[in-house]
Structures are given as structure tokens and as C-alpha cells.
């Protein structure tokens, strides 16, 4: 619910938003359920391979730079 309100407020479609967070249930699954793209910061590497995840924000910077 919060995710959809955020998308409406900024005037961007849900599918165009990438949500990055470190909580599998609230951040990752919550964003996916709202139609967002999601990326989990998994510093311990427990979920790597199971979900779209990185282990540090340095990896995020590299992904965004392309």
C-alpha cells in the first residue's frame, strides 16, 4: 500500500521504480508485490541466487553505472 502511494505521489509507474532494501519480506517481497523492481542488499550472502541481490552498496553503484 505504501509503495503504490509513493508511486502515485511522484507520478511514476510502479514497474519503472527500483526499490533497494535489506529486509527480504518488507523491502524485497513488498516491493515486488506492489509491482516495483526490487533488489535485496544481502550482506551475509544468505539469499544470493534465490532473489535479485547484492552484498554491498558498491555493487549497486556498479549496476547503476551500467
N, C-alpha and C. Protein backbone atom coordinates (compact mmCIF):
# COMPACT_ATOMS: atom_id res chain seq x y z
N UNK A 1 0.82 -1.20 0.00
CA UNK A 1 0.00 0.00 0.00
C UNK A 1 0.87 1.26 0.00
N UNK A 2 1.87 1.28 0.84
CA UNK A 2 2.78 2.42 0.91
C UNK A 2 3.51 2.58 -0.42
N UNK A 3 3.90 1.48 -1.02
CA UNK A 3 4.63 1.53 -2.27
C UNK A 3 3.79 2.17 -3.37
N UNK A 4 2.55 1.76 -3.50
CA UNK A 4 1.68 2.31 -4.54
C UNK A 4 1.42 3.80 -4.32
N UNK A 5 1.23 4.20 -3.07
CA UNK A 5 1.03 5.62 -2.77
C UNK A 5 2.26 6.43 -3.15
N UNK A 6 3.43 5.88 -2.89
CA UNK A 6 4.67 6.55 -3.26
C UNK A 6 4.74 6.75 -4.77
N UNK A 7 4.45 5.70 -5.53
CA UNK A 7 4.50 5.79 -6.99
C UNK A 7 3.52 6.84 -7.50
N UNK A 8 2.32 6.85 -6.95
CA UNK A 8 1.33 7.85 -7.35
C UNK A 8 1.81 9.26 -7.03
N UNK A 9 2.38 9.41 -5.86
CA UNK A 9 2.82 10.74 -5.41
C UNK A 9 3.90 11.33 -6.31
N UNK A 10 4.84 10.49 -6.75
CA UNK A 10 5.92 11.00 -7.60
C UNK A 10 5.58 10.92 -9.09
N UNK A 11 4.45 10.31 -9.41
CA UNK A 11 3.99 10.27 -10.80
C UNK A 11 4.79 9.33 -11.69
N UNK A 12 5.22 8.22 -11.12
CA UNK A 12 5.99 7.24 -11.88
C UNK A 12 5.28 5.89 -11.78
N UNK A 13 5.27 5.13 -12.87
CA UNK A 13 4.66 3.81 -12.85
C UNK A 13 5.47 2.87 -11.97
N UNK A 14 4.77 2.00 -11.28
CA UNK A 14 5.43 1.06 -10.37
C UNK A 14 6.55 0.28 -11.05
N UNK A 15 6.31 -0.18 -12.27
CA UNK A 15 7.29 -1.01 -12.98
C UNK A 15 8.57 -0.27 -13.33
N UNK A 16 8.56 1.05 -13.20
CA UNK A 16 9.74 1.86 -13.51
C UNK A 16 10.59 2.17 -12.28
N UNK A 17 10.15 1.70 -11.12
CA UNK A 17 10.85 2.02 -9.87
C UNK A 17 11.64 0.81 -9.38
N UNK A 18 12.88 1.05 -9.00
CA UNK A 18 13.71 0.03 -8.37
C UNK A 18 13.79 0.33 -6.89
N UNK A 19 13.30 -0.59 -6.08
CA UNK A 19 13.37 -0.44 -4.62
C UNK A 19 14.54 -1.28 -4.12
N UNK A 20 15.42 -0.68 -3.36
CA UNK A 20 16.58 -1.36 -2.81
C UNK A 20 16.45 -1.36 -1.29
N UNK A 21 16.54 -2.54 -0.69
CA UNK A 21 16.42 -2.62 0.75
C UNK A 21 17.08 -3.88 1.29
N UNK A 22 17.16 -3.96 2.62
CA UNK A 22 17.87 -5.09 3.22
C UNK A 22 16.97 -6.06 3.99
N UNK A 23 15.67 -5.91 3.87
CA UNK A 23 14.75 -6.83 4.53
C UNK A 23 14.02 -7.64 3.46
N UNK A 24 14.20 -8.95 3.50
CA UNK A 24 13.63 -9.81 2.46
C UNK A 24 12.12 -9.67 2.37
N UNK A 25 11.44 -9.72 3.48
CA UNK A 25 9.97 -9.66 3.47
C UNK A 25 9.43 -8.27 3.18
N UNK A 26 9.86 -7.30 3.97
CA UNK A 26 9.28 -5.95 3.86
C UNK A 26 9.79 -5.21 2.63
N UNK A 27 11.08 -5.23 2.39
CA UNK A 27 11.64 -4.47 1.27
C UNK A 27 11.49 -5.21 -0.05
N UNK A 28 12.07 -6.38 -0.12
CA UNK A 28 12.13 -7.10 -1.40
C UNK A 28 10.75 -7.60 -1.84
N UNK A 29 10.14 -8.43 -1.02
CA UNK A 29 8.85 -9.00 -1.40
C UNK A 29 7.75 -7.95 -1.43
N UNK A 30 7.82 -6.99 -0.51
CA UNK A 30 6.83 -5.92 -0.50
C UNK A 30 6.85 -5.12 -1.79
N UNK A 31 8.05 -4.80 -2.25
CA UNK A 31 8.19 -4.03 -3.49
C UNK A 31 7.71 -4.84 -4.69
N UNK A 32 8.10 -6.11 -4.75
CA UNK A 32 7.65 -6.95 -5.86
C UNK A 32 6.13 -7.08 -5.89
N UNK A 33 5.54 -7.27 -4.73
CA UNK A 33 4.08 -7.39 -4.66
C UNK A 33 3.36 -6.13 -5.10
N UNK A 34 4.03 -4.99 -4.99
CA UNK A 34 3.45 -3.71 -5.42
C UNK A 34 3.73 -3.42 -6.89
N UNK A 35 4.48 -4.30 -7.55
CA UNK A 35 4.78 -4.10 -8.96
C UNK A 35 6.09 -3.38 -9.23
N UNK A 36 6.86 -3.13 -8.19
CA UNK A 36 8.16 -2.48 -8.35
C UNK A 36 9.21 -3.52 -8.75
N UNK A 37 10.32 -3.05 -9.28
CA UNK A 37 11.51 -3.88 -9.39
C UNK A 37 12.14 -3.86 -8.01
N UNK A 38 12.83 -4.94 -7.64
CA UNK A 38 13.39 -4.99 -6.29
C UNK A 38 14.80 -5.57 -6.31
N UNK A 39 15.60 -5.07 -5.39
CA UNK A 39 16.97 -5.54 -5.23
C UNK A 39 17.23 -5.62 -3.73
N UNK A 40 17.67 -6.79 -3.28
CA UNK A 40 17.93 -7.01 -1.87
C UNK A 40 19.41 -6.79 -1.58
N UNK A 41 19.70 -6.03 -0.53
CA UNK A 41 21.07 -5.91 -0.04
C UNK A 41 21.23 -7.04 0.97
N UNK A 42 21.97 -8.06 0.58
CA UNK A 42 22.15 -9.26 1.40
C UNK A 42 23.61 -9.35 1.80
N UNK A 43 23.96 -8.64 2.84
CA UNK A 43 25.37 -8.52 3.25
C UNK A 43 26.00 -9.85 3.65
N UNK A 44 25.17 -10.81 4.10
CA UNK A 44 25.69 -12.12 4.50
C UNK A 44 25.67 -13.14 3.38
N UNK A 45 25.07 -12.79 2.25
CA UNK A 45 25.02 -13.70 1.11
C UNK A 45 24.09 -14.88 1.29
N UNK A 46 23.15 -14.82 2.24
CA UNK A 46 22.26 -15.94 2.50
C UNK A 46 21.25 -16.18 1.38
N UNK A 47 20.85 -15.13 0.69
CA UNK A 47 19.80 -15.26 -0.32
C UNK A 47 20.31 -15.11 -1.75
N UNK A 48 21.61 -14.99 -1.92
CA UNK A 48 22.18 -14.84 -3.26
C UNK A 48 21.82 -16.07 -4.08
N UNK A 49 21.34 -15.84 -5.28
CA UNK A 49 20.93 -16.92 -6.15
C UNK A 49 19.45 -17.22 -6.05
N UNK A 50 18.84 -16.91 -4.92
CA UNK A 50 17.41 -17.14 -4.74
C UNK A 50 16.59 -15.92 -5.14
N UNK A 51 17.16 -14.75 -4.93
CA UNK A 51 16.48 -13.50 -5.26
C UNK A 51 17.48 -12.57 -5.95
N UNK A 52 16.99 -11.49 -6.50
CA UNK A 52 17.84 -10.49 -7.12
C UNK A 52 18.55 -9.73 -5.99
N UNK A 53 19.84 -10.02 -5.77
CA UNK A 53 20.51 -9.47 -4.59
C UNK A 53 21.94 -9.03 -4.88
N UNK A 54 22.40 -8.14 -4.02
CA UNK A 54 23.78 -7.69 -4.00
C UNK A 54 24.27 -7.81 -2.56
N UNK A 55 25.57 -7.74 -2.36
CA UNK A 55 26.09 -7.85 -0.99
C UNK A 55 26.53 -6.51 -0.42
N UNK A 56 26.63 -5.47 -1.26
CA UNK A 56 27.03 -4.16 -0.76
C UNK A 56 26.52 -3.06 -1.68
N UNK A 57 26.52 -1.85 -1.17
CA UNK A 57 26.10 -0.72 -1.99
C UNK A 57 27.11 -0.41 -3.09
N UNK A 58 28.34 -0.87 -2.94
CA UNK A 58 29.32 -0.71 -4.01
C UNK A 58 28.85 -1.44 -5.26
N UNK A 59 28.23 -2.59 -5.09
CA UNK A 59 27.69 -3.34 -6.23
C UNK A 59 26.55 -2.58 -6.88
N UNK A 60 25.75 -1.90 -6.08
CA UNK A 60 24.65 -1.12 -6.62
C UNK A 60 25.18 -0.01 -7.52
N UNK A 61 26.21 0.67 -7.07
CA UNK A 61 26.81 1.74 -7.88
C UNK A 61 27.28 1.20 -9.22
N UNK A 62 27.90 0.04 -9.21
CA UNK A 62 28.38 -0.56 -10.45
C UNK A 62 27.22 -0.92 -11.37
N UNK A 63 26.14 -1.44 -10.81
CA UNK A 63 24.96 -1.78 -11.61
C UNK A 63 24.34 -0.54 -12.25
N UNK A 64 24.26 0.53 -11.49
CA UNK A 64 23.64 1.75 -11.99
C UNK A 64 24.50 2.44 -13.05
N UNK A 65 25.81 2.29 -12.93
CA UNK A 65 26.71 2.88 -13.92
C UNK A 65 26.65 2.12 -15.23
N UNK A 66 26.18 0.89 -15.19
CA UNK A 66 25.95 0.11 -16.38
C UNK A 66 27.10 -0.67 -16.83
